[in-house]
């Protein structure tokens, strides 16, 4: 999108303004994540979120999702199992095929992360007018829809 010019010179593009707002949102999220990552590294937390999203994912699937080699993903899972956050369950048909599942500790960790994140977001949203909150929500919903469509197009082009 082209830059718009105001009376005092060029104004930042909408993309630049959204980028700046996204940084503020990410700082709120990061403060919540820092609490969770005091127990887990960033990559461990990412793995836990992937396992939650794809319950029963195998090690190869996790490695691909994280862009890791299989041995690195295996060591990451070893640490998560030792932390009591993840469990490895041998497959019924093929005992070599391992599925990954969150433990109750892992589920609690993610619930705490999301609760903390939502509390921090609520504090920021409380400083906004009701109209601005609704406008933000409408815009974010439309943004999400457009982003998903863009991602689908990218995947179709690369297939």
N, C-alpha and C. Protein backbone atom coordinates (compact mmCIF):
# COMPACT_ATOMS: atom_id res chain seq x y z
N UNK A 1 0.84 -1.17 0.00
CA UNK A 1 0.00 0.00 0.00
C UNK A 1 0.89 1.24 0.00
N UNK A 2 0.51 2.24 -0.74
CA UNK A 2 1.31 3.46 -0.85
C UNK A 2 1.18 4.28 0.43
N UNK A 3 2.20 5.10 0.67
CA UNK A 3 2.15 5.98 1.83
C UNK A 3 1.16 7.11 1.55
N UNK A 4 0.49 7.55 2.58
CA UNK A 4 -0.42 8.68 2.49
C UNK A 4 0.32 9.90 2.98
N UNK A 5 0.03 11.04 2.37
CA UNK A 5 0.70 12.26 2.78
C UNK A 5 -0.27 13.17 3.50
N UNK A 6 0.11 13.60 4.69
CA UNK A 6 -0.69 14.52 5.48
C UNK A 6 -0.06 15.90 5.44
N UNK A 7 -0.60 16.83 6.22
CA UNK A 7 -0.08 18.20 6.21
C UNK A 7 1.35 18.31 6.73
N UNK A 8 1.79 17.35 7.54
CA UNK A 8 3.13 17.41 8.12
C UNK A 8 4.10 16.44 7.43
N UNK A 9 3.77 15.98 6.24
CA UNK A 9 4.65 15.07 5.53
C UNK A 9 4.06 13.69 5.45
N UNK A 10 4.87 12.72 5.05
CA UNK A 10 4.34 11.36 4.84
C UNK A 10 3.90 10.72 6.15
N UNK A 11 2.75 10.05 6.07
CA UNK A 11 2.25 9.28 7.21
C UNK A 11 2.64 7.82 6.99
N UNK A 12 2.85 7.10 8.08
CA UNK A 12 3.21 5.68 7.89
C UNK A 12 2.10 4.93 7.18
N UNK A 13 2.47 3.92 6.44
CA UNK A 13 1.47 3.10 5.76
C UNK A 13 0.67 2.32 6.80
N UNK A 14 -0.46 1.84 6.39
CA UNK A 14 -1.29 1.03 7.29
C UNK A 14 -0.52 -0.19 7.75
N UNK A 15 0.24 -0.80 6.84
CA UNK A 15 1.02 -1.97 7.23
C UNK A 15 2.01 -1.62 8.33
N UNK A 16 2.64 -0.47 8.25
CA UNK A 16 3.58 -0.05 9.29
C UNK A 16 2.86 0.19 10.62
N UNK A 17 1.68 0.76 10.55
CA UNK A 17 0.91 1.00 11.77
C UNK A 17 0.45 -0.30 12.40
N UNK A 18 0.01 -1.24 11.58
CA UNK A 18 -0.39 -2.55 12.09
C UNK A 18 0.82 -3.26 12.68
N UNK A 19 1.97 -3.13 12.02
CA UNK A 19 3.19 -3.73 12.53
C UNK A 19 3.52 -3.19 13.92
N UNK A 20 3.39 -1.88 14.10
CA UNK A 20 3.67 -1.27 15.41
C UNK A 20 2.66 -1.76 16.46
N UNK A 21 1.39 -1.84 16.07
CA UNK A 21 0.37 -2.33 17.00
C UNK A 21 0.61 -3.80 17.34
N UNK A 22 1.04 -4.57 16.35
CA UNK A 22 1.33 -5.98 16.59
C UNK A 22 2.49 -6.13 17.58
N UNK A 23 3.46 -5.24 17.50
CA UNK A 23 4.56 -5.29 18.48
C UNK A 23 4.03 -5.09 19.89
N UNK A 24 3.07 -4.19 20.05
CA UNK A 24 2.49 -3.97 21.38
C UNK A 24 1.75 -5.22 21.84
N UNK A 25 0.99 -5.83 20.93
CA UNK A 25 0.27 -7.06 21.26
C UNK A 25 1.26 -8.16 21.63
N UNK A 26 2.30 -8.30 20.85
CA UNK A 26 3.29 -9.34 21.13
C UNK A 26 4.01 -9.11 22.45
N UNK A 27 4.20 -7.86 22.83
CA UNK A 27 4.86 -7.61 24.12
C UNK A 27 3.95 -8.06 25.26
N UNK A 28 2.64 -7.89 25.11
CA UNK A 28 1.70 -8.39 26.12
C UNK A 28 1.78 -9.92 26.16
N UNK A 29 1.78 -10.56 24.99
CA UNK A 29 1.87 -12.01 24.94
C UNK A 29 3.20 -12.50 25.49
N UNK A 30 4.28 -11.80 25.15
CA UNK A 30 5.60 -12.22 25.62
C UNK A 30 5.71 -12.16 27.13
N UNK A 31 5.08 -11.17 27.74
CA UNK A 31 5.16 -11.10 29.20
C UNK A 31 4.47 -12.30 29.83
N UNK A 32 3.39 -12.77 29.22
CA UNK A 32 2.72 -13.98 29.72
C UNK A 32 3.58 -15.21 29.43
N UNK A 33 4.19 -15.24 28.25
CA UNK A 33 5.01 -16.39 27.86
C UNK A 33 6.25 -16.49 28.73
N UNK A 34 6.81 -15.35 29.13
CA UNK A 34 8.00 -15.38 29.98
C UNK A 34 7.75 -16.14 31.27
N UNK A 35 6.55 -15.99 31.80
CA UNK A 35 6.21 -16.73 33.02
C UNK A 35 6.21 -18.23 32.75
N UNK A 36 5.63 -18.63 31.60
CA UNK A 36 5.59 -20.05 31.25
C UNK A 36 6.98 -20.55 30.89
N UNK A 37 7.76 -19.71 30.21
CA UNK A 37 9.07 -20.16 29.77
C UNK A 37 10.10 -20.11 30.88
N UNK A 38 9.69 -19.67 32.06
CA UNK A 38 10.62 -19.82 33.17
C UNK A 38 10.76 -21.31 33.50
N UNK A 39 9.77 -22.09 33.09
CA UNK A 39 9.82 -23.54 33.27
C UNK A 39 10.22 -24.27 32.00
N UNK A 40 9.94 -23.65 30.85
CA UNK A 40 10.23 -24.27 29.56
C UNK A 40 10.90 -23.25 28.64
N UNK A 41 11.75 -23.75 27.75
CA UNK A 41 12.34 -22.87 26.74
C UNK A 41 11.27 -22.51 25.71
N UNK A 42 11.58 -21.54 24.89
CA UNK A 42 10.64 -21.15 23.83
C UNK A 42 10.32 -22.29 22.89
N UNK A 43 11.34 -23.07 22.49
CA UNK A 43 11.09 -24.19 21.57
C UNK A 43 10.31 -25.31 22.27
N UNK A 44 10.55 -25.50 23.57
CA UNK A 44 9.77 -26.51 24.29
C UNK A 44 8.31 -26.10 24.36
N UNK A 45 8.07 -24.83 24.63
CA UNK A 45 6.69 -24.33 24.69
C UNK A 45 6.01 -24.48 23.33
N UNK A 46 6.73 -24.18 22.27
CA UNK A 46 6.18 -24.32 20.92
C UNK A 46 5.82 -25.78 20.65
N UNK A 47 6.68 -26.70 21.08
CA UNK A 47 6.40 -28.13 20.90
C UNK A 47 5.16 -28.55 21.67
N UNK A 48 5.02 -28.05 22.89
CA UNK A 48 3.86 -28.38 23.72
C UNK A 48 2.58 -27.88 23.03
N UNK A 49 2.63 -26.69 22.47
CA UNK A 49 1.45 -26.14 21.77
C UNK A 49 1.12 -26.97 20.55
N UNK A 50 2.12 -27.42 19.81
CA UNK A 50 1.88 -28.27 18.63
C UNK A 50 1.28 -29.60 19.04
N UNK A 51 1.80 -30.20 20.10
CA UNK A 51 1.26 -31.49 20.57
C UNK A 51 -0.18 -31.30 21.03
N UNK A 52 -0.48 -30.19 21.67
CA UNK A 52 -1.86 -29.94 22.07
C UNK A 52 -2.76 -29.84 20.84
N UNK A 53 -2.28 -29.13 19.83
CA UNK A 53 -3.09 -28.92 18.62
C UNK A 53 -3.27 -30.22 17.84
N UNK A 54 -2.23 -31.06 17.82
CA UNK A 54 -2.27 -32.31 17.06
C UNK A 54 -2.03 -33.48 18.01
N UNK A 55 -2.94 -33.65 18.95
CA UNK A 55 -2.80 -34.71 19.96
C UNK A 55 -2.55 -36.04 19.27
N UNK A 56 -1.50 -36.74 19.72
CA UNK A 56 -1.15 -38.02 19.14
C UNK A 56 -0.17 -37.91 17.98
N UNK A 57 0.28 -36.69 17.69
CA UNK A 57 1.26 -36.50 16.61
C UNK A 57 2.47 -37.39 16.87
N UNK A 58 3.10 -37.87 15.82
CA UNK A 58 4.30 -38.68 16.03
C UNK A 58 5.52 -37.76 16.01
N UNK A 59 6.64 -38.33 16.35
CA UNK A 59 7.87 -37.55 16.47
C UNK A 59 8.27 -36.91 15.14
N UNK A 60 8.10 -37.66 14.07
CA UNK A 60 8.43 -37.12 12.74
C UNK A 60 7.55 -35.92 12.41
N UNK A 61 6.27 -36.02 12.71
CA UNK A 61 5.35 -34.91 12.46
C UNK A 61 5.71 -33.68 13.29
N UNK A 62 6.09 -33.90 14.54
CA UNK A 62 6.51 -32.78 15.38
C UNK A 62 7.77 -32.13 14.82
N UNK A 63 8.73 -32.97 14.43
CA UNK A 63 9.98 -32.43 13.86
C UNK A 63 9.69 -31.59 12.62
N UNK A 64 8.82 -32.08 11.75
CA UNK A 64 8.47 -31.33 10.53
C UNK A 64 7.76 -30.03 10.88
N UNK A 65 6.84 -30.09 11.83
CA UNK A 65 6.09 -28.89 12.23
C UNK A 65 7.01 -27.81 12.80
N UNK A 66 8.08 -28.25 13.44
CA UNK A 66 9.00 -27.31 14.08
C UNK A 66 10.20 -26.98 13.21
N UNK A 67 10.31 -27.63 12.04
CA UNK A 67 11.45 -27.39 11.17
C UNK A 67 12.76 -27.89 11.76
N UNK A 68 12.68 -29.03 12.46
CA UNK A 68 13.85 -29.61 13.13
C UNK A 68 14.18 -30.95 12.49
N UNK A 69 15.41 -31.39 12.73
CA UNK A 69 15.74 -32.76 12.35
C UNK A 69 15.19 -33.69 13.44
N UNK A 70 14.98 -34.93 13.06
CA UNK A 70 14.33 -35.89 13.95
C UNK A 70 15.07 -36.07 15.28
N UNK A 71 16.38 -36.13 15.24
CA UNK A 71 17.13 -36.34 16.48
C UNK A 71 16.98 -35.15 17.43
N UNK A 72 16.92 -33.94 16.90
CA UNK A 72 16.73 -32.76 17.76
C UNK A 72 15.34 -32.77 18.39
N UNK A 73 14.34 -33.15 17.61
CA UNK A 73 12.98 -33.23 18.14
C UNK A 73 12.90 -34.31 19.22
N UNK A 74 13.61 -35.40 19.02
CA UNK A 74 13.61 -36.48 20.00
C UNK A 74 14.22 -36.00 21.33
N UNK A 75 15.34 -35.28 21.25
CA UNK A 75 15.96 -34.75 22.48
C UNK A 75 15.05 -33.73 23.16
N UNK A 76 14.39 -32.92 22.36
CA UNK A 76 13.44 -31.94 22.91
C UNK A 76 12.33 -32.67 23.66
N UNK A 77 11.80 -33.73 23.07
CA UNK A 77 10.75 -34.51 23.73
C UNK A 77 11.28 -35.19 24.98
N UNK A 78 12.52 -35.66 24.95
CA UNK A 78 13.12 -36.27 26.15
C UNK A 78 13.06 -35.28 27.32
N UNK A 79 13.41 -34.03 27.05
CA UNK A 79 13.39 -33.01 28.10
C UNK A 79 11.96 -32.72 28.57
N UNK A 80 11.01 -32.73 27.65
CA UNK A 80 9.61 -32.48 28.02
C UNK A 80 9.02 -33.63 28.81
N UNK A 81 9.41 -34.83 28.46
CA UNK A 81 8.98 -36.01 29.23
C UNK A 81 9.57 -35.93 30.63
N UNK A 82 10.85 -35.60 30.72
CA UNK A 82 11.52 -35.48 32.04
C UNK A 82 10.88 -34.39 32.88
N UNK A 83 10.37 -33.33 32.23
CA UNK A 83 9.71 -32.24 32.96
C UNK A 83 8.28 -32.59 33.35
N UNK A 84 7.79 -33.74 32.85
CA UNK A 84 6.44 -34.18 33.20
C UNK A 84 5.35 -33.50 32.39
N UNK A 85 5.72 -32.88 31.28
CA UNK A 85 4.78 -32.12 30.48
C UNK A 85 4.22 -32.94 29.31
N UNK A 86 4.99 -33.90 28.86
CA UNK A 86 4.66 -34.66 27.67
C UNK A 86 4.83 -36.14 27.98
N UNK A 87 4.03 -36.97 27.29
CA UNK A 87 4.22 -38.42 27.40
C UNK A 87 4.31 -39.01 26.01
N UNK A 88 5.13 -40.04 25.91
CA UNK A 88 5.28 -40.80 24.67
C UNK A 88 4.52 -42.10 24.85
N UNK A 89 3.67 -42.40 23.88
CA UNK A 89 2.87 -43.62 23.96
C UNK A 89 3.17 -44.47 22.73
N UNK A 90 3.66 -45.71 22.93
CA UNK A 90 3.93 -46.59 21.78
C UNK A 90 2.63 -46.91 21.04
N UNK A 91 2.74 -47.04 19.72
CA UNK A 91 1.57 -47.37 18.91
C UNK A 91 1.11 -48.79 19.16
N UNK A 92 -0.16 -49.05 18.90
CA UNK A 92 -0.71 -50.39 19.12
C UNK A 92 -0.29 -51.35 18.02
N UNK A 93 -0.33 -50.86 16.77
CA UNK A 93 0.03 -51.72 15.64
C UNK A 93 1.54 -51.84 15.49
N UNK A 94 2.24 -50.73 15.67
CA UNK A 94 3.70 -50.71 15.52
C UNK A 94 4.28 -50.03 16.76
N UNK A 95 4.91 -50.80 17.62
CA UNK A 95 5.43 -50.27 18.89
C UNK A 95 6.54 -49.25 18.67
N UNK A 96 7.13 -49.25 17.46
CA UNK A 96 8.16 -48.26 17.17
C UNK A 96 7.56 -46.89 16.88
N UNK A 97 6.29 -46.87 16.49
CA UNK A 97 5.60 -45.61 16.20
C UNK A 97 5.13 -45.02 17.53
N UNK A 98 5.68 -43.87 17.88
CA UNK A 98 5.38 -43.23 19.15
C UNK A 98 4.44 -42.05 18.92
N UNK A 99 3.37 -41.99 19.69
CA UNK A 99 2.50 -40.82 19.64
C UNK A 99 2.76 -39.96 20.87
N UNK A 100 2.62 -38.67 20.70
CA UNK A 100 2.91 -37.71 21.75
C UNK A 100 1.62 -37.11 22.28
N UNK A 101 1.55 -36.99 23.61
CA UNK A 101 0.36 -36.45 24.26
C UNK A 101 0.79 -35.56 25.43
N UNK A 102 -0.01 -34.56 25.71
CA UNK A 102 0.25 -33.73 26.89
C UNK A 102 -0.17 -34.48 28.14
N UNK A 103 0.57 -34.26 29.20
CA UNK A 103 0.17 -34.78 30.50
C UNK A 103 -0.75 -33.73 31.14
N UNK A 104 -1.38 -34.06 32.25
CA UNK A 104 -2.15 -33.04 32.97
C UNK A 104 -1.29 -31.83 33.34
N UNK A 105 -0.01 -32.05 33.64
CA UNK A 105 0.90 -30.93 33.94
C UNK A 105 1.03 -30.02 32.72
N UNK A 106 1.19 -30.62 31.54
CA UNK A 106 1.30 -29.84 30.30
C UNK A 106 0.02 -29.08 30.00
N UNK A 107 -1.11 -29.73 30.20
CA UNK A 107 -2.40 -29.06 29.98
C UNK A 107 -2.58 -27.89 30.93
N UNK A 108 -2.18 -28.08 32.19
CA UNK A 108 -2.28 -27.00 33.18
C UNK A 108 -1.37 -25.84 32.81
N UNK A 109 -0.17 -26.15 32.36
CA UNK A 109 0.77 -25.11 31.95
C UNK A 109 0.18 -24.24 30.85
N UNK A 110 -0.39 -24.86 29.82
CA UNK A 110 -0.98 -24.08 28.74
C UNK A 110 -2.21 -23.31 29.20
N UNK A 111 -3.00 -23.90 30.08
CA UNK A 111 -4.17 -23.18 30.61
C UNK A 111 -3.73 -21.95 31.40
N UNK A 112 -2.67 -22.10 32.18
CA UNK A 112 -2.15 -20.95 32.94
C UNK A 112 -1.61 -19.88 32.01
N UNK A 113 -0.90 -20.29 30.97
CA UNK A 113 -0.37 -19.35 29.99
C UNK A 113 -1.50 -18.56 29.34
N UNK A 114 -2.53 -19.25 28.91
CA UNK A 114 -3.65 -18.57 28.24
C UNK A 114 -4.41 -17.68 29.21
N UNK A 115 -4.60 -18.13 30.44
CA UNK A 115 -5.29 -17.31 31.44
C UNK A 115 -4.50 -16.03 31.71
N UNK A 116 -3.20 -16.16 31.90
CA UNK A 116 -2.35 -15.00 32.14
C UNK A 116 -2.37 -14.06 30.95
N UNK A 117 -2.29 -14.62 29.75
CA UNK A 117 -2.31 -13.80 28.53
C UNK A 117 -3.62 -13.04 28.42
N UNK A 118 -4.73 -13.73 28.68
CA UNK A 118 -6.04 -13.07 28.59
C UNK A 118 -6.22 -12.00 29.65
N UNK A 119 -5.69 -12.24 30.85
CA UNK A 119 -5.76 -11.21 31.90
C UNK A 119 -4.99 -9.97 31.49
N UNK A 120 -3.82 -10.16 30.90
CA UNK A 120 -3.00 -9.03 30.47
C UNK A 120 -3.67 -8.29 29.31
N UNK A 121 -4.27 -9.05 28.38
CA UNK A 121 -5.00 -8.42 27.27
C UNK A 121 -6.21 -7.65 27.80
N UNK A 122 -6.92 -8.22 28.76
CA UNK A 122 -8.11 -7.56 29.32
C UNK A 122 -7.73 -6.23 29.97
N UNK A 123 -6.58 -6.19 30.63
CA UNK A 123 -6.15 -4.94 31.27
C UNK A 123 -5.92 -3.85 30.22
N UNK A 124 -5.34 -4.22 29.09
CA UNK A 124 -5.12 -3.25 28.02
C UNK A 124 -6.45 -2.85 27.40
N UNK A 125 -7.30 -3.84 27.12
CA UNK A 125 -8.60 -3.55 26.49
C UNK A 125 -9.48 -2.68 27.38
N UNK A 126 -9.36 -2.83 28.70
CA UNK A 126 -10.14 -2.02 29.62
C UNK A 126 -9.83 -0.53 29.48
N UNK A 127 -8.65 -0.22 28.99
CA UNK A 127 -8.27 1.18 28.80
C UNK A 127 -8.84 1.76 27.50
N UNK A 128 -9.49 0.92 26.70
CA UNK A 128 -10.09 1.36 25.43
C UNK A 128 -11.59 1.54 25.59
N UNK A 129 -12.17 2.37 24.76
CA UNK A 129 -13.62 2.54 24.77
C UNK A 129 -14.27 1.28 24.21
N UNK A 130 -15.54 1.08 24.55
CA UNK A 130 -16.28 -0.09 24.07
C UNK A 130 -16.34 -0.10 22.54
N UNK A 131 -16.53 1.07 21.95
CA UNK A 131 -16.58 1.16 20.48
C UNK A 131 -15.26 0.76 19.85
N UNK A 132 -14.16 1.20 20.44
CA UNK A 132 -12.83 0.84 19.92
C UNK A 132 -12.57 -0.64 20.09
N UNK A 133 -13.02 -1.21 21.20
CA UNK A 133 -12.86 -2.65 21.41
C UNK A 133 -13.58 -3.43 20.32
N UNK A 134 -14.82 -3.04 20.02
CA UNK A 134 -15.61 -3.74 19.00
C UNK A 134 -15.00 -3.55 17.61
N UNK A 135 -14.51 -2.34 17.33
CA UNK A 135 -13.86 -2.10 16.03
C UNK A 135 -12.60 -2.95 15.90
N UNK A 136 -11.83 -3.04 16.97
CA UNK A 136 -10.63 -3.87 16.96
C UNK A 136 -10.99 -5.33 16.70
N UNK A 137 -12.00 -5.82 17.39
CA UNK A 137 -12.41 -7.20 17.23
C UNK A 137 -12.87 -7.48 15.80
N UNK A 138 -13.68 -6.58 15.25
CA UNK A 138 -14.13 -6.77 13.86
C UNK A 138 -12.93 -6.78 12.91
N UNK A 139 -12.01 -5.86 13.11
CA UNK A 139 -10.84 -5.79 12.25
C UNK A 139 -9.96 -7.02 12.37
N UNK A 140 -9.78 -7.51 13.59
CA UNK A 140 -8.96 -8.71 13.79
C UNK A 140 -9.60 -9.94 13.17
N UNK A 141 -10.92 -10.03 13.26
CA UNK A 141 -11.61 -11.17 12.64
C UNK A 141 -11.43 -11.15 11.12
N UNK A 142 -11.57 -9.97 10.54
CA UNK A 142 -11.39 -9.85 9.10
C UNK A 142 -9.93 -10.11 8.71
N UNK A 143 -9.00 -9.62 9.53
CA UNK A 143 -7.58 -9.85 9.30
C UNK A 143 -7.29 -11.35 9.33
N UNK A 144 -7.82 -12.05 10.32
CA UNK A 144 -7.59 -13.49 10.44
C UNK A 144 -8.11 -14.22 9.20
N UNK A 145 -9.29 -13.85 8.75
CA UNK A 145 -9.88 -14.48 7.58
C UNK A 145 -9.01 -14.24 6.34
N UNK A 146 -8.56 -13.00 6.16
CA UNK A 146 -7.71 -12.68 5.01
C UNK A 146 -6.37 -13.39 5.11
N UNK A 147 -5.81 -13.48 6.31
CA UNK A 147 -4.53 -14.17 6.49
C UNK A 147 -4.66 -15.65 6.18
N UNK A 148 -5.76 -16.26 6.62
CA UNK A 148 -5.97 -17.69 6.32
C UNK A 148 -6.11 -17.91 4.82
N UNK A 149 -6.83 -17.02 4.15
CA UNK A 149 -7.00 -17.14 2.70
C UNK A 149 -5.66 -16.98 1.98
N UNK A 150 -4.84 -16.04 2.44
CA UNK A 150 -3.51 -15.83 1.86
C UNK A 150 -2.63 -17.07 2.06
N UNK A 151 -2.69 -17.64 3.26
CA UNK A 151 -1.91 -18.84 3.56
C UNK A 151 -2.35 -20.00 2.67
N UNK A 152 -3.65 -20.15 2.49
CA UNK A 152 -4.18 -21.22 1.63
C UNK A 152 -3.72 -21.03 0.19
N UNK A 153 -3.72 -19.78 -0.28
CA UNK A 153 -3.25 -19.50 -1.64
C UNK A 153 -1.77 -19.83 -1.76
N UNK A 154 -0.97 -19.44 -0.78
CA UNK A 154 0.47 -19.74 -0.80
C UNK A 154 0.71 -21.24 -0.85
N UNK A 155 -0.05 -21.99 -0.04
CA UNK A 155 0.10 -23.44 -0.02
C UNK A 155 -0.30 -24.06 -1.34
N UNK A 156 -1.38 -23.53 -1.96
CA UNK A 156 -1.82 -24.05 -3.25
C UNK A 156 -0.78 -23.77 -4.33
N UNK A 157 -0.15 -22.60 -4.28
CA UNK A 157 0.87 -22.27 -5.28
C UNK A 157 2.12 -23.13 -5.12
N UNK A 158 2.46 -23.48 -3.88
CA UNK A 158 3.68 -24.26 -3.65
C UNK A 158 3.46 -25.76 -3.81
N UNK A 159 2.22 -26.18 -3.95
CA UNK A 159 1.91 -27.62 -4.09
C UNK A 159 2.13 -28.11 -5.52
